[in-house]
C-alpha cells in the first residue's frame, strides 16, 4: 500500500508542476508581428555594426603589430 501512496503522491506532484507551468505560460504576453520584426531588424543591425567594429579594430591592431615587429627585426 505504501508504494501505491508514493506513486499517487508523485503523480500529484508532477500534475501540480505542469499545472503551474501551464498557468504561468498563459500569463505571457507575446509581441505582435510588427514588434517582433522591428526587434529582429534592430538585433541584426546592432550585431553587424558590432562585428564591423571588432573587425576594424582587429585589422588596425594587426597592422600596428606588424609595423612594430618590422622595426624590431
PDB file of N, CA and C in Angstrom:
ATOM      1  N   UNK A   1       0.807  -1.198   0.000  1.00  0.00           N
ATOM      2  CA  UNK A   1       0.000   0.000   0.000  1.00  0.00           C
ATOM      3  C   UNK A   1       0.850   1.262   0.000  1.00  0.00           C
ATOM      4  N   UNK A   2       1.977   1.214   0.685  1.00  0.00           N
ATOM      5  CA  UNK A   2       2.842   2.386   0.734  1.00  0.00           C
ATOM      6  C   UNK A   2       3.337   2.768  -0.655  1.00  0.00           C
ATOM      7  N   UNK A   3       3.621   1.762  -1.463  1.00  0.00           N
ATOM      8  CA  UNK A   3       4.100   2.045  -2.818  1.00  0.00           C
ATOM      9  C   UNK A   3       3.029   2.733  -3.647  1.00  0.00           C
ATOM     10  N   UNK A   4       1.792   2.327  -3.469  1.00  0.00           N
ATOM     11  CA  UNK A   4       0.696   2.948  -4.214  1.00  0.00           C
ATOM     12  C   UNK A   4       0.526   4.405  -3.782  1.00  0.00           C
ATOM     13  N   UNK A   5       0.644   4.691  -2.485  1.00  0.00           N
ATOM     14  CA  UNK A   5       0.524   6.064  -1.994  1.00  0.00           C
ATOM     15  C   UNK A   5       1.674   6.927  -2.524  1.00  0.00           C
ATOM     16  N   UNK A   6       2.883   6.350  -2.547  1.00  0.00           N
ATOM     17  CA  UNK A   6       4.034   7.088  -3.070  1.00  0.00           C
ATOM     18  C   UNK A   6       3.837   7.412  -4.546  1.00  0.00           C
ATOM     19  N   UNK A   7       3.318   6.403  -5.285  1.00  0.00           N
ATOM     20  CA  UNK A   7       3.090   6.602  -6.718  1.00  0.00           C
ATOM     21  C   UNK A   7       2.034   7.677  -6.946  1.00  0.00           C
ATOM     22  N   UNK A   8       0.949   7.620  -6.185  1.00  0.00           N
ATOM     23  CA  UNK A   8      -0.107   8.627  -6.312  1.00  0.00           C
ATOM     24  C   UNK A   8       0.413  10.003  -5.937  1.00  0.00           C
ATOM     25  N   UNK A   9       1.223  10.066  -4.888  1.00  0.00           N
ATOM     26  CA  UNK A   9       1.793  11.354  -4.448  1.00  0.00           C
ATOM     27  C   UNK A   9       2.710  11.921  -5.520  1.00  0.00           C
ATOM     28  N   UNK A  10       3.541  11.050  -6.115  1.00  0.00           N
ATOM     29  CA  UNK A  10       4.433  11.505  -7.186  1.00  0.00           C
ATOM     30  C   UNK A  10       3.644  12.007  -8.389  1.00  0.00           C
ATOM     31  N   UNK A  11       2.578  11.311  -8.732  1.00  0.00           N
ATOM     32  CA  UNK A  11       1.742  11.739  -9.856  1.00  0.00           C
ATOM     33  C   UNK A  11       1.097  13.090  -9.559  1.00  0.00           C
ATOM     34  N   UNK A  12       0.659  13.296  -8.326  1.00  0.00           N
ATOM     35  CA  UNK A  12       0.056  14.578  -7.958  1.00  0.00           C
ATOM     36  C   UNK A  12       1.071  15.708  -8.021  1.00  0.00           C
ATOM     37  N   UNK A  13       2.299  15.415  -7.606  1.00  0.00           N
ATOM     38  CA  UNK A  13       3.353  16.434  -7.664  1.00  0.00           C
ATOM     39  C   UNK A  13       3.628  16.815  -9.114  1.00  0.00           C
ATOM     40  N   UNK A  14       3.740  15.817  -9.971  1.00  0.00           N
ATOM     41  CA  UNK A  14       4.015  16.080 -11.393  1.00  0.00           C
ATOM     42  C   UNK A  14       2.861  16.865 -12.009  1.00  0.00           C
ATOM     43  N   UNK A  15       1.628  16.478 -11.712  1.00  0.00           N
ATOM     44  CA  UNK A  15       0.475  17.211 -12.233  1.00  0.00           C
ATOM     45  C   UNK A  15       0.479  18.652 -11.747  1.00  0.00           C
ATOM     46  N   UNK A  16       0.828  18.846 -10.477  1.00  0.00           N
ATOM     47  CA  UNK A  16       0.872  20.201  -9.925  1.00  0.00           C
ATOM     48  C   UNK A  16       1.920  21.064 -10.610  1.00  0.00           C
ATOM     49  N   UNK A  17       3.067  20.466 -10.893  1.00  0.00           N
ATOM     50  CA  UNK A  17       4.133  21.212 -11.575  1.00  0.00           C
ATOM     51  C   UNK A  17       3.674  21.632 -12.962  1.00  0.00           C
ATOM     52  N   UNK A  18       3.074  20.715 -13.696  1.00  0.00           N
ATOM     53  CA  UNK A  18       2.627  21.047 -15.051  1.00  0.00           C
ATOM     54  C   UNK A  18       1.476  22.048 -15.034  1.00  0.00           C
ATOM     55  N   UNK A  19       0.614  21.979 -14.055  1.00  0.00           N
ATOM     56  CA  UNK A  19      -0.460  22.962 -13.942  1.00  0.00           C
ATOM     57  C   UNK A  19       0.113  24.345 -13.666  1.00  0.00           C
ATOM     58  N   UNK A  20       1.159  24.399 -12.827  1.00  0.00           N
ATOM     59  CA  UNK A  20       1.815  25.673 -12.543  1.00  0.00           C
ATOM     60  C   UNK A  20       2.462  26.231 -13.807  1.00  0.00           C
ATOM     61  N   UNK A  21       3.172  25.371 -14.542  1.00  0.00           N
ATOM     62  CA  UNK A  21       3.789  25.814 -15.792  1.00  0.00           C
ATOM     63  C   UNK A  21       2.749  26.331 -16.766  1.00  0.00           C
ATOM     64  N   UNK A  22       1.660  25.602 -16.872  1.00  0.00           N
ATOM     65  CA  UNK A  22       0.600  25.991 -17.800  1.00  0.00           C
ATOM     66  C   UNK A  22       0.007  27.342 -17.419  1.00  0.00           C
ATOM     67  N   UNK A  23      -0.217  27.549 -16.123  1.00  0.00           N
ATOM     68  CA  UNK A  23      -0.779  28.823 -15.663  1.00  0.00           C
ATOM     69  C   UNK A  23       0.193  29.977 -15.942  1.00  0.00           C
ATOM     70  N   UNK A  24       1.480  29.748 -15.701  1.00  0.00           N
ATOM     71  CA  UNK A  24       2.472  30.802 -15.964  1.00  0.00           C
ATOM     72  C   UNK A  24       2.611  31.062 -17.461  1.00  0.00           C
ATOM     73  N   UNK A  25       2.540  30.018 -18.249  1.00  0.00           N
ATOM     74  CA  UNK A  25       2.674  30.165 -19.693  1.00  0.00           C
ATOM     75  C   UNK A  25       1.539  30.998 -20.270  1.00  0.00           C
ATOM     76  N   UNK A  26       0.365  30.892 -19.676  1.00  0.00           N
ATOM     77  CA  UNK A  26      -0.786  31.671 -20.157  1.00  0.00           C
ATOM     78  C   UNK A  26      -0.662  33.149 -19.826  1.00  0.00           C
ATOM     79  N   UNK A  27       0.202  33.500 -18.877  1.00  0.00           N
ATOM     80  CA  UNK A  27       0.392  34.902 -18.498  1.00  0.00           C
ATOM     81  C   UNK A  27       1.318  35.639 -19.454  1.00  0.00           C
ATOM     82  N   UNK A  28       2.001  34.910 -20.316  1.00  0.00           N
ATOM     83  CA  UNK A  28       2.953  35.523 -21.232  1.00  0.00           C
ATOM     84  C   UNK A  28       2.214  36.393 -22.236  1.00  0.00           C
ATOM     85  N   UNK A  29       2.735  37.590 -22.454  1.00  0.00           N
ATOM     86  CA  UNK A  29       2.186  38.485 -23.469  1.00  0.00           C
ATOM     87  C   UNK A  29       3.135  38.438 -24.661  1.00  0.00           C
ATOM     88  N   UNK A  30       2.683  37.824 -25.729  1.00  0.00           N
ATOM     89  CA  UNK A  30       3.522  37.667 -26.906  1.00  0.00           C
ATOM     90  C   UNK A  30       3.513  38.953 -27.722  1.00  0.00           C
ATOM     91  N   UNK A  31       4.661  39.324 -28.320  1.00  0.00           N
ATOM     92  CA  UNK A  31       4.711  40.549 -29.124  1.00  0.00           C
ATOM     93  C   UNK A  31       3.971  40.364 -30.443  1.00  0.00           C
ATOM     94  N   UNK A  32       3.564  41.501 -31.001  1.00  0.00           N
ATOM     95  CA  UNK A  32       2.913  41.459 -32.313  1.00  0.00           C
ATOM     96  C   UNK A  32       3.965  41.165 -33.391  1.00  0.00           C
ATOM     97  N   UNK A  33       3.501  40.841 -34.579  1.00  0.00           N
ATOM     98  CA  UNK A  33       4.438  40.552 -35.673  1.00  0.00           C
ATOM     99  C   UNK A  33       5.289  41.774 -36.003  1.00  0.00           C
ATOM    100  N   UNK A  34       4.672  42.949 -35.948  1.00  0.00           N
ATOM    101  CA  UNK A  34       5.403  44.177 -36.261  1.00  0.00           C
ATOM    102  C   UNK A  34       6.507  44.434 -35.240  1.00  0.00           C
ATOM    103  N   UNK A  35       6.183  44.261 -33.969  1.00  0.00           N
ATOM    104  CA  UNK A  35       7.173  44.473 -32.923  1.00  0.00           C
ATOM    105  C   UNK A  35       8.294  43.455 -33.035  1.00  0.00           C
ATOM    106  N   UNK A  36       7.940  42.216 -33.282  1.00  0.00           N
ATOM    107  CA  UNK A  36       8.938  41.165 -33.438  1.00  0.00           C
ATOM    108  C   UNK A  36       9.860  41.468 -34.613  1.00  0.00           C
ATOM    109  N   UNK A  37       9.299  41.926 -35.728  1.00  0.00           N
ATOM    110  CA  UNK A  37      10.099  42.270 -36.902  1.00  0.00           C
ATOM    111  C   UNK A  37      11.054  43.420 -36.596  1.00  0.00           C
ATOM    112  N   UNK A  38      10.544  44.468 -35.920  1.00  0.00           N
ATOM    113  CA  UNK A  38      11.386  45.618 -35.586  1.00  0.00           C
ATOM    114  C   UNK A  38      12.529  45.213 -34.663  1.00  0.00           C
ATOM    115  N   UNK A  39      12.236  44.398 -33.673  1.00  0.00           N
ATOM    116  CA  UNK A  39      13.284  43.964 -32.749  1.00  0.00           C
ATOM    117  C   UNK A  39      14.311  43.075 -33.441  1.00  0.00           C
ATOM    118  N   UNK A  40      13.845  42.232 -34.354  1.00  0.00           N
ATOM    119  CA  UNK A  40      14.756  41.371 -35.095  1.00  0.00           C
ATOM    120  C   UNK A  40      15.694  42.192 -35.962  1.00  0.00           C
ATOM    121  N   UNK A  41      15.154  43.167 -36.660  1.00  0.00           N
ATOM    122  CA  UNK A  41      15.974  44.036 -37.505  1.00  0.00           C
ATOM    123  C   UNK A  41      16.985  44.804 -36.650  1.00  0.00           C
ATOM    124  N   UNK A  42      16.550  45.283 -35.496  1.00  0.00           N
ATOM    125  CA  UNK A  42      17.447  46.016 -34.607  1.00  0.00           C
ATOM    126  C   UNK A  42      18.590  45.126 -34.127  1.00  0.00           C
ATOM    127  N   UNK A  43      18.285  43.913 -33.731  1.00  0.00           N
ATOM    128  CA  UNK A  43      19.327  42.987 -33.253  1.00  0.00           C
ATOM    129  C   UNK A  43      20.315  42.675 -34.368  1.00  0.00           C
ATOM    130  N   UNK A  44      19.823  42.443 -35.572  1.00  0.00           N
ATOM    131  CA  UNK A  44      20.723  42.147 -36.696  1.00  0.00           C
ATOM    132  C   UNK A  44      21.600  43.348 -37.013  1.00  0.00           C
ATOM    133  N   UNK A  45      21.005  44.551 -37.028  1.00  0.00           N
ATOM    134  CA  UNK A  45      21.771  45.758 -37.347  1.00  0.00           C
ATOM    135  C   UNK A  45      22.858  46.017 -36.296  1.00  0.00           C
ATOM    136  N   UNK A  46      22.513  45.899 -35.037  1.00  0.00           N
ATOM    137  CA  UNK A  46      23.498  46.138 -33.975  1.00  0.00           C
ATOM    138  C   UNK A  46      24.593  45.070 -34.034  1.00  0.00           C
ATOM    139  N   UNK A  47      24.220  43.833 -34.314  1.00  0.00           N
ATOM    140  CA  UNK A  47      25.214  42.759 -34.426  1.00  0.00           C
ATOM    141  C   UNK A  47      26.179  43.028 -35.569  1.00  0.00           C
ATOM    142  N   UNK A  48      25.662  43.475 -36.707  1.00  0.00           N
ATOM    143  CA  UNK A  48      26.527  43.788 -37.850  1.00  0.00           C
ATOM    144  C   UNK A  48      27.459  44.961 -37.538  1.00  0.00           C
ATOM    145  N   UNK A  49      26.929  45.983 -36.882  1.00  0.00           N
ATOM    146  CA  UNK A  49      27.773  47.134 -36.532  1.00  0.00           C
ATOM    147  C   UNK A  49      28.862  46.731 -35.539  1.00  0.00           C
ATOM    148  N   UNK A  50      28.495  45.931 -34.540  1.00  0.00           N
ATOM    149  CA  UNK A  50      29.471  45.485 -33.557  1.00  0.00           C
ATOM    150  C   UNK A  50      30.523  44.598 -34.211  1.00  0.00           C
ATOM    151  N   UNK A  51      30.096  43.733 -35.132  1.00  0.00           N
ATOM    152  CA  UNK A  51      31.039  42.887 -35.861  1.00  0.00           C
ATOM    153  C   UNK A  51      31.993  43.704 -36.705  1.00  0.00           C
ATOM    154  N   UNK A  52      31.477  44.741 -37.373  1.00  0.00           N
ATOM    155  CA  UNK A  52      32.334  45.613 -38.176  1.00  0.00           C
ATOM    156  C   UNK A  52      33.329  46.360 -37.288  1.00  0.00           C
ATOM    157  N   UNK A  53      32.886  46.795 -36.120  1.00  0.00           N
ATOM    158  CA  UNK A  53      33.765  47.484 -35.171  1.00  0.00           C
ATOM    159  C   UNK A  53      34.901  46.557 -34.720  1.00  0.00           C
ATOM    160  N   UNK A  54      34.566  45.324 -34.405  1.00  0.00           N
ATOM    161  CA  UNK A  54      35.591  44.362 -33.977  1.00  0.00           C
ATOM    162  C   UNK A  54      36.549  44.060 -35.128  1.00  0.00           C
ATOM    163  N   UNK A  55      36.021  43.887 -36.341  1.00  0.00           N
ATOM    164  CA  UNK A  55      36.865  43.592 -37.498  1.00  0.00           C
ATOM    165  C   UNK A  55      37.816  44.757 -37.784  1.00  0.00           C
ATOM    166  N   UNK A  56      37.329  45.978 -37.696  1.00  0.00           N
ATOM    167  CA  UNK A  56      38.175  47.142 -37.934  1.00  0.00           C
ATOM    168  C   UNK A  56      39.277  47.236 -36.884  1.00  0.00           C
ATOM    169  N   UNK A  57      38.911  47.050 -35.618  1.00  0.00           N
ATOM    170  CA  UNK A  57      39.923  47.084 -34.560  1.00  0.00           C
ATOM    171  C   UNK A  57      40.949  45.969 -34.738  1.00  0.00           C
ATOM    172  N   UNK A  58      40.499  44.797 -35.132  1.00  0.00           N
ATOM    173  CA  UNK A  58      41.411  43.680 -35.358  1.00  0.00           C
ATOM    174  C   UNK A  58      42.388  44.009 -36.474  1.00  0.00           C
ATOM    175  N   UNK A  59      41.874  44.568 -37.563  1.00  0.00           N
ATOM    176  CA  UNK A  59      42.735  44.931 -38.692  1.00  0.00           C
ATOM    177  C   UNK A  59      43.753  45.993 -38.285  1.00  0.00           C
ATOM    178  N   UNK A  60      43.293  47.043 -37.612  1.00  0.00           N
ATOM    179  CA  UNK A  60      44.201  48.119 -37.216  1.00  0.00           C
ATOM    180  C   UNK A  60      45.266  47.637 -36.232  1.00  0.00           C
ATOM    181  N   UNK A  61      44.856  46.849 -35.252  1.00  0.00           N
ATOM    182  CA  UNK A  61      45.834  46.350 -34.281  1.00  0.00           C
ATOM    183  C   UNK A  61      46.827  45.385 -34.918  1.00  0.00           C
ATOM    184  N   UNK A  62      46.390  44.590 -35.882  1.00  0.00           N
ATOM    185  CA  UNK A  62      47.319  43.685 -36.561  1.00  0.00           C
ATOM    186  C   UNK A  62      48.324  44.479 -37.399  1.00  0.00           C
ATOM    187  N   UNK A  63      47.878  45.583 -38.014  1.00  0.00           N
ATOM    188  CA  UNK A  63      48.808  46.425 -38.773  1.00  0.00           C
ATOM    189  C   UNK A  63      49.831  47.091 -37.854  1.00  0.00           C
ATOM    190  N   UNK A  64      49.378  47.571 -36.712  1.00  0.00           N
ATOM    191  CA  UNK A  64      50.292  48.179 -35.742  1.00  0.00           C
ATOM    192  C   UNK A  64      51.294  47.137 -35.254  1.00  0.00           C
ATOM    193  N   UNK A  65      50.834  45.934 -34.967  1.00  0.00           N
ATOM    194  CA  UNK A  65      51.714  44.872 -34.507  1.00  0.00           C
ATOM    195  C   UNK A  65      52.745  44.520 -35.572  1.00  0.00           C
ATOM    196  N   UNK A  66      52.304  44.435 -36.836  1.00  0.00           N
ATOM    197  CA  UNK A  66      53.246  44.125 -37.920  1.00  0.00           C
ATOM    198  C   UNK A  66      54.303  45.217 -38.066  1.00  0.00           C
ATOM    199  N   UNK A  67      53.898  46.486 -37.936  1.00  0.00           N
ATOM    200  CA  UNK A  67      54.872  47.581 -38.014  1.00  0.00           C
ATOM    201  C   UNK A  67      55.862  47.495 -36.859  1.00  0.00           C
ATOM    202  N   UNK A  68      55.350  47.170 -35.686  1.00  0.00           N
ATOM    203  CA  UNK A  68      56.220  47.057 -34.507  1.00  0.00           C
ATOM    204  C   UNK A  68      57.198  45.907 -34.667  1.00  0.00           C
ATOM    205  N   UNK A  69      56.741  44.776 -35.158  1.00  0.00           N
ATOM    206  CA  UNK A  69      57.615  43.630 -35.378  1.00  0.00           C
ATOM    207  C   UNK A  69      58.625  43.961 -36.480  1.00  0.00           C
ATOM    208  N   UNK A  70      58.212  44.703 -37.497  1.00  0.00           N
ATOM    209  CA  UNK A  70      59.115  45.102 -38.587  1.00  0.00           C
ATOM    210  C   UNK A  70      60.241  45.997 -38.092  1.00  0.00           C
ATOM    211  N   UNK A  71      59.976  46.816 -37.093  1.00  0.00           N
ATOM    212  CA  UNK A  71      61.017  47.684 -36.533  1.00  0.00           C
ATOM    213  C   UNK A  71      62.032  46.876 -35.738  1.00  0.00           C
ATOM    214  N   UNK A  72      61.576  45.853 -35.074  1.00  0.00           N
ATOM    215  CA  UNK A  72      62.462  45.041 -34.235  1.00  0.00           C
ATOM    216  C   UNK A  72      63.357  44.151 -35.100  1.00  0.00           C
ATOM    217  N   UNK A  73      62.770  43.529 -36.125  1.00  0.00           N
ATOM    218  CA  UNK A  73      63.554  42.614 -36.960  1.00  0.00           C
ATOM    219  C   UNK A  73      64.246  43.394 -37.996  1.00  0.00           C
TER     220      UNK A  73
END
